[in-house]
Amino acid sequence: MISWNDFEKVEMRVGTIIEVKDFPKARKPAYKLKIDFGKLGIRESSAQITELYSKEDLLNRQIIAVVNFPPKQIADFMSECLVLGVVDDNNPVILLQPERKVKDGLRIA
């Protein structure tokens, strides 16, 4: 069990994907994403979501990501946030997203 204070430390925000590129150097199939978090700025992320989502499907889609983890090196790329999705060992990742358009950068609570 974690405390409420622990949960409050995880900063989840809404952002809009503004660029999607293939990431052939990743060990598992992935995309490189540029995500606009409004006042927080633009951050990059690597996401293993190629099975269900095409680059065209992802462009301009709002997602939810953790933005206060330290950057993580993935091959030759620095991932600056963690895009969140539903994970099941036997199925592809399904992205978490707001059910309607909201302002980029808003916090998930």
C-alpha atoms as a PDB file:
ATOM      1  CA  MET A   1       0.000   0.000   0.000  1.00  0.00           C
ATOM      2  CA  ILE A   2       1.146   3.532  -0.702  1.00  0.00           C
ATOM      3  CA  SER A   3       0.085   6.610   1.175  1.00  0.00           C
ATOM      4  CA  TRP A   4      -2.021   9.429  -0.231  1.00  0.00           C
ATOM      5  CA  ASN A   5       1.111  11.598  -0.053  1.00  0.00           C
ATOM      6  CA  ASP A   6       2.936   9.081  -2.261  1.00  0.00           C
ATOM      7  CA  PHE A   7       0.132   9.200  -4.843  1.00  0.00           C
ATOM      8  CA  GLU A   8       0.155  13.001  -4.864  1.00  0.00           C
ATOM      9  CA  LYS A   9       3.826  12.934  -5.892  1.00  0.00           C
ATOM     10  CA  VAL A  10       2.944  11.300  -9.230  1.00  0.00           C
ATOM     11  CA  GLU A  11       2.187  14.134 -11.633  1.00  0.00           C
ATOM     12  CA  MET A  12      -0.102  12.939 -14.430  1.00  0.00           C
ATOM     13  CA  ARG A  13      -0.999  15.497 -17.093  1.00  0.00           C
ATOM     14  CA  VAL A  14      -2.968  15.677 -20.336  1.00  0.00           C
ATOM     15  CA  GLY A  15      -0.991  16.390 -23.491  1.00  0.00           C
ATOM     16  CA  THR A  16      -1.544  16.387 -27.250  1.00  0.00           C
ATOM     17  CA  ILE A  17       0.700  14.355 -29.532  1.00  0.00           C
ATOM     18  CA  ILE A  18       2.101  16.785 -32.100  1.00  0.00           C
ATOM     19  CA  GLU A  19       4.668  14.558 -33.831  1.00  0.00           C
ATOM     20  CA  VAL A  20       5.062  10.800 -34.339  1.00  0.00           C
ATOM     21  CA  LYS A  21       8.131   9.071 -35.785  1.00  0.00           C
ATOM     22  CA  ASP A  22       9.202   5.461 -36.144  1.00  0.00           C
ATOM     23  CA  PHE A  23      11.790   4.293 -33.616  1.00  0.00           C
ATOM     24  CA  PRO A  24      13.719   1.466 -35.305  1.00  0.00           C
ATOM     25  CA  LYS A  25      16.484   1.404 -32.629  1.00  0.00           C
ATOM     26  CA  ALA A  26      14.037   0.428 -29.866  1.00  0.00           C
ATOM     27  CA  ARG A  27      14.207  -3.242 -28.785  1.00  0.00           C
ATOM     28  CA  LYS A  28      10.437  -3.650 -29.157  1.00  0.00           C
ATOM     29  CA  PRO A  29       8.389  -1.855 -31.834  1.00  0.00           C
ATOM     30  CA  ALA A  30       7.816   1.736 -30.683  1.00  0.00           C
ATOM     31  CA  TYR A  31       7.231   5.304 -31.778  1.00  0.00           C
ATOM     32  CA  LYS A  32       9.014   8.500 -30.791  1.00  0.00           C
ATOM     33  CA  LEU A  33       6.379  11.028 -29.735  1.00  0.00           C
ATOM     34  CA  LYS A  34       6.480  14.790 -29.212  1.00  0.00           C
ATOM     35  CA  ILE A  35       3.742  15.814 -26.803  1.00  0.00           C
ATOM     36  CA  ASP A  36       2.495  19.326 -26.039  1.00  0.00           C
ATOM     37  CA  PHE A  37       1.703  19.792 -22.353  1.00  0.00           C
ATOM     38  CA  GLY A  38       0.665  23.446 -22.639  1.00  0.00           C
ATOM     39  CA  LYS A  39       2.436  25.623 -20.040  1.00  0.00           C
ATOM     40  CA  LEU A  40       4.720  22.690 -19.144  1.00  0.00           C
ATOM     41  CA  GLY A  41       6.091  22.710 -22.693  1.00  0.00           C
ATOM     42  CA  ILE A  42       6.801  19.992 -25.202  1.00  0.00           C
ATOM     43  CA  ARG A  43       8.240  16.673 -24.050  1.00  0.00           C
ATOM     44  CA  GLU A  44       9.394  13.602 -25.924  1.00  0.00           C
ATOM     45  CA  SER A  45       8.517  10.016 -25.158  1.00  0.00           C
ATOM     46  CA  SER A  46       9.030   6.537 -26.532  1.00  0.00           C
ATOM     47  CA  ALA A  47       5.876   4.422 -26.567  1.00  0.00           C
ATOM     48  CA  GLN A  48       5.343   0.767 -27.494  1.00  0.00           C
ATOM     49  CA  ILE A  49       1.932   1.346 -29.045  1.00  0.00           C
ATOM     50  CA  THR A  50       2.534   0.378 -32.680  1.00  0.00           C
ATOM     51  CA  GLU A  51       0.225  -2.635 -32.639  1.00  0.00           C
ATOM     52  CA  LEU A  52      -3.062  -0.730 -32.243  1.00  0.00           C
ATOM     53  CA  TYR A  53      -2.122   2.791 -33.339  1.00  0.00           C
ATOM     54  CA  SER A  54      -0.799   4.111 -36.637  1.00  0.00           C
ATOM     55  CA  LYS A  55       1.206   7.338 -36.755  1.00  0.00           C
ATOM     56  CA  GLU A  56      -1.804   9.029 -38.373  1.00  0.00           C
ATOM     57  CA  ASP A  57      -4.136   7.796 -35.571  1.00  0.00           C
ATOM     58  CA  LEU A  58      -1.857   9.290 -32.924  1.00  0.00           C
ATOM     59  CA  LEU A  59      -1.293  12.734 -34.405  1.00  0.00           C
ATOM     60  CA  ASN A  60      -3.334  15.362 -32.498  1.00  0.00           C
ATOM     61  CA  ARG A  61      -4.638  12.749 -30.032  1.00  0.00           C
ATOM     62  CA  GLN A  62      -4.765  13.728 -26.376  1.00  0.00           C
ATOM     63  CA  ILE A  63      -3.113  11.301 -23.969  1.00  0.00           C
ATOM     64  CA  ILE A  64      -2.275  11.092 -20.279  1.00  0.00           C
ATOM     65  CA  ALA A  65       1.346  10.869 -19.159  1.00  0.00           C
ATOM     66  CA  VAL A  66       3.457  10.995 -16.022  1.00  0.00           C
ATOM     67  CA  VAL A  67       5.634  14.084 -16.392  1.00  0.00           C
ATOM     68  CA  ASN A  68       7.757  14.078 -13.229  1.00  0.00           C
ATOM     69  CA  PHE A  69       9.861  10.957 -13.676  1.00  0.00           C
ATOM     70  CA  PRO A  70      13.530  11.563 -14.483  1.00  0.00           C
ATOM     71  CA  PRO A  71      14.384  11.237 -18.202  1.00  0.00           C
ATOM     72  CA  LYS A  72      15.099   7.657 -19.300  1.00  0.00           C
ATOM     73  CA  GLN A  73      17.604   6.660 -21.983  1.00  0.00           C
ATOM     74  CA  ILE A  74      16.100   4.309 -24.564  1.00  0.00           C
ATOM     75  CA  ALA A  75      18.666   3.392 -27.237  1.00  0.00           C
ATOM     76  CA  ASP A  76      19.860   6.790 -28.568  1.00  0.00           C
ATOM     77  CA  PHE A  77      16.754   8.647 -27.337  1.00  0.00           C
ATOM     78  CA  MET A  78      15.857  10.388 -24.043  1.00  0.00           C
ATOM     79  CA  SER A  79      12.263   9.748 -23.009  1.00  0.00           C
ATOM     80  CA  GLU A  80      11.054  12.692 -20.885  1.00  0.00           C
ATOM     81  CA  CYS A  81       7.640  11.397 -19.807  1.00  0.00           C
ATOM     82  CA  LEU A  82       5.722   8.132 -19.501  1.00  0.00           C
ATOM     83  CA  VAL A  83       2.653   7.779 -21.699  1.00  0.00           C
ATOM     84  CA  LEU A  84       0.033   5.771 -19.792  1.00  0.00           C
ATOM     85  CA  GLY A  85      -1.981   2.865 -21.110  1.00  0.00           C
ATOM     86  CA  VAL A  86      -3.814  -0.259 -20.104  1.00  0.00           C
ATOM     87  CA  VAL A  87      -1.392  -3.202 -20.046  1.00  0.00           C
ATOM     88  CA  ASP A  88      -2.197  -6.900 -20.306  1.00  0.00           C
ATOM     89  CA  ASP A  89       0.504  -9.474 -21.048  1.00  0.00           C
ATOM     90  CA  ASN A  90      -1.525 -11.000 -23.877  1.00  0.00           C
ATOM     91  CA  ASN A  91      -2.881  -7.840 -25.511  1.00  0.00           C
ATOM     92  CA  PRO A  92      -1.485  -4.630 -26.994  1.00  0.00           C
ATOM     93  CA  VAL A  93      -1.353  -1.418 -24.938  1.00  0.00           C
ATOM     94  CA  ILE A  94      -4.517   0.719 -25.003  1.00  0.00           C
ATOM     95  CA  LEU A  95      -3.853   4.417 -24.389  1.00  0.00           C
ATOM     96  CA  LEU A  96      -5.452   6.326 -21.532  1.00  0.00           C
ATOM     97  CA  GLN A  97      -7.046   9.540 -22.716  1.00  0.00           C
ATOM     98  CA  PRO A  98      -9.651  12.065 -21.590  1.00  0.00           C
ATOM     99  CA  GLU A  99     -13.172  11.258 -22.787  1.00  0.00           C
ATOM    100  CA  ARG A 100     -13.453  14.771 -24.259  1.00  0.00           C
ATOM    101  CA  LYS A 101     -11.029  17.496 -25.356  1.00  0.00           C
ATOM    102  CA  VAL A 102      -9.454  19.437 -22.479  1.00  0.00           C
ATOM    103  CA  LYS A 103      -6.712  22.022 -22.116  1.00  0.00           C
ATOM    104  CA  ASP A 104      -3.192  20.597 -22.506  1.00  0.00           C
ATOM    105  CA  GLY A 105      -1.269  20.442 -19.262  1.00  0.00           C
ATOM    106  CA  LEU A 106      -4.230  19.889 -16.965  1.00  0.00           C
ATOM    107  CA  ARG A 107      -3.440  17.619 -14.023  1.00  0.00           C
ATOM    108  CA  ILE A 108      -5.084  14.264 -13.446  1.00  0.00           C
ATOM    109  CA  ALA A 109      -6.452  13.987  -9.923  1.00  0.00           C
END
